Amino acid sequence: MSKPKPVNWELIKVNRDSPHECLYEFVVQIINQYHDRLNNLIVVLMWRYNVRPDPDGYMLLADITKSSDKMRELFEHDVVIGINKQAWQLLSDKQKRLLIDTQLERVVVCLDKDGKPKEDDRSRLIYRLKRMEVIDERIMLDRHNTTMDKVHEYVYNKMNGQFETGSYADKIFGGEGTPPS
């Protein structure tokens, strides 16, 4: 018998008994705090499993995908944020906030030639995603006192056993303090 194929995605469901309900609330808090233009955005969250670093050591921590018209018909949502479950468990709340904020920063409401938000035939707002390269790191640094580069470095070091949980280095690079210059 062959080895079963691993499942790499899991929908983070919300119901009364769900421990993940607070994760959706966390996303709503970030939208309310930094992204008031996205108040109508419907986000679906998914865990990503079996994410491996590339040959240069870069590991995808999260990604965002704009939902197609077809997918929006199957399940009402505008974007899907995939979160690397293994990395998420290593991050501080401050780092998690930066990670989600960075993904949401990419979402933009499409505008028509008069500067008004575009809608589809069903009166749903139309969104687009900015490239990661256009995200202003200075804005993220001002909001969160750290950058995604630092978070990637932290996860890389943590997964490679560079420092132990609770150690001074873990607290400093884990977002509980500012790294010494």
Protein backbone atom coordinates (compact mmCIF):
# COMPACT_ATOMS: atom_id res chain seq x y z
CA MET A 1 0.00 0.00 0.00
CA SER A 2 1.36 3.40 -0.92
CA LYS A 3 1.95 6.21 1.53
CA PRO A 4 -1.03 8.60 1.73
CA LYS A 5 -0.56 12.07 0.26
CA PRO A 6 -0.21 14.66 3.04
CA VAL A 7 -2.91 17.30 3.29
CA ASN A 8 -1.29 20.72 2.98
CA TRP A 9 -4.29 23.00 3.62
CA GLU A 10 -6.94 23.17 6.33
CA LEU A 11 -9.81 25.63 6.49
CA ILE A 12 -9.85 27.47 9.81
CA LYS A 13 -13.52 27.14 10.65
CA VAL A 14 -15.48 29.35 12.98
CA ASN A 15 -18.28 28.16 15.18
CA ARG A 16 -19.30 28.65 18.80
CA ASP A 17 -16.98 25.92 20.04
CA SER A 18 -14.06 26.86 17.78
CA PRO A 19 -10.79 27.85 19.41
CA HIS A 20 -9.98 29.69 16.16
CA GLU A 21 -12.81 32.21 16.47
CA CYS A 22 -10.36 34.54 18.21
CA LEU A 23 -8.07 34.32 15.14
CA TYR A 24 -10.78 35.81 12.95
CA GLU A 25 -11.39 38.47 15.62
CA PHE A 26 -7.64 39.17 15.56
CA VAL A 27 -7.86 39.83 11.79
CA VAL A 28 -10.90 42.09 12.26
CA GLN A 29 -9.01 44.10 14.92
CA ILE A 30 -6.11 44.66 12.51
CA ILE A 31 -8.51 45.71 9.73
CA ASN A 32 -10.25 48.15 12.09
CA GLN A 33 -6.95 49.56 13.35
CA TYR A 34 -5.01 49.98 10.09
CA HIS A 35 -7.25 49.23 7.09
CA ASP A 36 -10.55 51.08 7.42
CA ARG A 37 -10.90 50.95 3.60
CA LEU A 38 -11.31 47.17 3.97
CA ASN A 39 -14.21 47.13 6.46
CA ASN A 40 -16.33 45.10 4.02
CA LEU A 41 -13.57 42.61 3.19
CA ILE A 42 -14.52 39.00 3.85
CA VAL A 43 -11.44 36.96 4.78
CA VAL A 44 -11.09 33.20 4.91
CA LEU A 45 -8.16 31.83 6.91
CA MET A 46 -6.43 28.54 6.18
CA TRP A 47 -3.57 26.69 7.85
CA ARG A 48 -0.73 25.65 5.56
CA TYR A 49 1.15 22.49 6.46
CA ASN A 50 4.39 20.97 5.22
CA VAL A 51 5.87 24.31 4.17
CA ARG A 52 9.57 23.84 3.53
CA PRO A 53 12.25 26.52 3.21
CA ASP A 54 13.60 27.16 -0.26
CA PRO A 55 17.31 26.47 -1.01
CA ASP A 56 18.20 29.97 0.25
CA GLY A 57 16.53 29.34 3.62
CA TYR A 58 13.46 31.52 2.93
CA MET A 59 10.27 30.06 4.37
CA LEU A 60 6.85 31.32 3.38
CA LEU A 61 5.10 32.45 6.58
CA ALA A 62 1.80 33.54 5.02
CA ASP A 63 0.30 34.41 1.69
CA ILE A 64 -2.87 36.04 0.45
CA THR A 65 -4.91 35.13 -2.59
CA LYS A 66 -7.70 37.12 -4.20
CA SER A 67 -10.70 34.89 -4.71
CA SER A 68 -12.00 34.33 -8.21
CA ASP A 69 -15.63 34.88 -9.15
CA LYS A 70 -16.04 31.11 -9.24
CA MET A 71 -14.73 30.67 -5.68
CA ARG A 72 -16.83 33.60 -4.44
CA GLU A 73 -19.91 31.76 -5.70
CA LEU A 74 -19.02 28.61 -3.79
CA PHE A 75 -18.34 30.39 -0.51
CA GLU A 76 -18.83 34.09 0.23
CA HIS A 77 -15.36 35.61 0.64
CA ASP A 78 -12.99 38.05 -1.02
CA VAL A 79 -9.51 36.81 -0.08
CA VAL A 80 -7.87 33.77 1.47
CA ILE A 81 -4.93 34.14 3.84
CA GLY A 82 -2.84 30.99 4.13
CA ILE A 83 -0.85 30.84 7.37
CA ASN A 84 2.13 28.54 7.90
CA LYS A 85 0.93 26.66 11.00
CA GLN A 86 4.40 25.56 12.14
CA ALA A 87 5.80 29.09 11.94
CA TRP A 88 2.67 30.66 13.51
CA GLN A 89 3.19 28.62 16.67
CA LEU A 90 6.67 30.12 17.07
CA LEU A 91 5.62 33.77 16.75
CA SER A 92 4.80 36.30 19.44
CA ASP A 93 1.51 38.22 19.23
CA LYS A 94 3.46 41.23 17.95
CA GLN A 95 4.97 39.17 15.12
CA LYS A 96 1.59 37.60 14.28
CA ARG A 97 0.06 41.07 14.07
CA LEU A 98 2.80 42.19 11.65
CA LEU A 99 2.39 39.04 9.54
CA ILE A 100 -1.38 39.51 9.10
CA ASP A 101 -1.06 43.29 8.67
CA THR A 102 1.49 42.81 5.89
CA GLN A 103 -0.91 40.52 4.02
CA LEU A 104 -3.83 42.91 4.44
CA GLU A 105 -1.67 45.84 3.30
CA ARG A 106 -1.61 44.20 -0.14
CA VAL A 107 -5.41 44.38 -0.56
CA VAL A 108 -6.74 47.38 -2.49
CA VAL A 109 -10.29 48.26 -3.50
CA CYS A 110 -10.43 48.72 -7.29
CA LEU A 111 -11.60 52.16 -8.40
CA ASP A 112 -13.34 53.26 -11.59
CA LYS A 113 -12.25 56.24 -13.72
CA ASP A 114 -14.19 58.60 -11.41
CA GLY A 115 -12.41 57.28 -8.30
CA LYS A 116 -15.44 55.36 -7.01
CA PRO A 117 -15.14 51.74 -5.80
CA LYS A 118 -15.88 49.17 -8.49
CA GLU A 119 -18.52 46.51 -7.91
CA ASP A 120 -19.53 43.37 -9.76
CA ASP A 121 -23.06 42.55 -11.00
CA ARG A 122 -23.99 41.33 -7.52
CA SER A 123 -22.93 44.60 -5.83
CA ARG A 124 -19.80 43.03 -4.32
CA LEU A 125 -16.69 45.21 -4.10
CA ILE A 126 -13.85 44.26 -6.41
CA TYR A 127 -10.39 44.00 -4.90
CA ARG A 128 -6.89 43.58 -6.27
CA LEU A 129 -3.58 42.65 -4.64
CA LYS A 130 -0.45 44.79 -4.65
CA ARG A 131 2.88 43.03 -5.14
CA MET A 132 4.87 42.36 -1.96
CA GLU A 133 7.65 44.58 -3.29
CA VAL A 134 5.47 47.69 -3.03
CA ILE A 135 4.66 47.22 0.66
CA ASP A 136 6.38 50.05 2.51
CA GLU A 137 8.61 48.47 5.16
CA ARG A 138 8.83 51.84 6.92
CA ILE A 139 5.07 51.80 7.55
CA MET A 140 5.31 48.29 8.99
CA LEU A 141 8.29 49.31 11.14
CA ASP A 142 6.39 52.33 12.48
CA ARG A 143 3.28 50.25 13.24
CA HIS A 144 4.98 47.21 14.75
CA ASN A 145 8.54 48.23 15.67
CA THR A 146 9.89 45.37 13.56
CA THR A 147 9.97 44.19 9.95
CA MET A 148 9.07 41.02 8.09
CA ASP A 149 12.78 40.45 7.46
CA LYS A 150 13.31 40.24 11.22
CA VAL A 151 10.36 37.86 11.59
CA HIS A 152 11.71 35.62 8.80
CA GLU A 153 15.14 35.65 10.46
CA TYR A 154 13.57 34.76 13.81
CA VAL A 155 11.62 31.81 12.37
CA TYR A 156 14.68 30.59 10.45
CA ASN A 157 16.86 30.71 13.58
CA LYS A 158 14.16 29.17 15.77
CA MET A 159 13.61 26.26 13.39
CA ASN A 160 17.33 25.66 13.12
CA GLY A 161 17.81 25.58 16.89
CA GLN A 162 19.76 28.84 17.08
CA PHE A 163 18.12 29.75 20.38
CA GLU A 164 15.84 28.11 22.91
CA THR A 165 12.33 29.15 23.88
CA GLY A 166 12.45 31.66 26.73
CA SER A 167 16.15 32.50 26.28
CA TYR A 168 17.33 36.12 26.13
CA ALA A 169 17.82 35.89 22.34
CA ASP A 170 14.35 34.38 21.94
CA LYS A 171 12.79 37.26 23.88
CA ILE A 172 14.76 39.90 21.98
CA PHE A 173 14.26 38.51 18.47
CA GLY A 174 10.83 37.11 19.26
CA GLY A 175 9.40 40.59 19.43
CA GLU A 176 9.41 41.08 23.20
CA GLY A 177 12.09 43.73 22.93
CA THR A 178 14.19 45.66 20.47
CA PRO A 179 17.34 43.91 19.23
CA PRO A 180 20.56 45.63 20.27
CA SER A 181 22.25 47.66 17.53
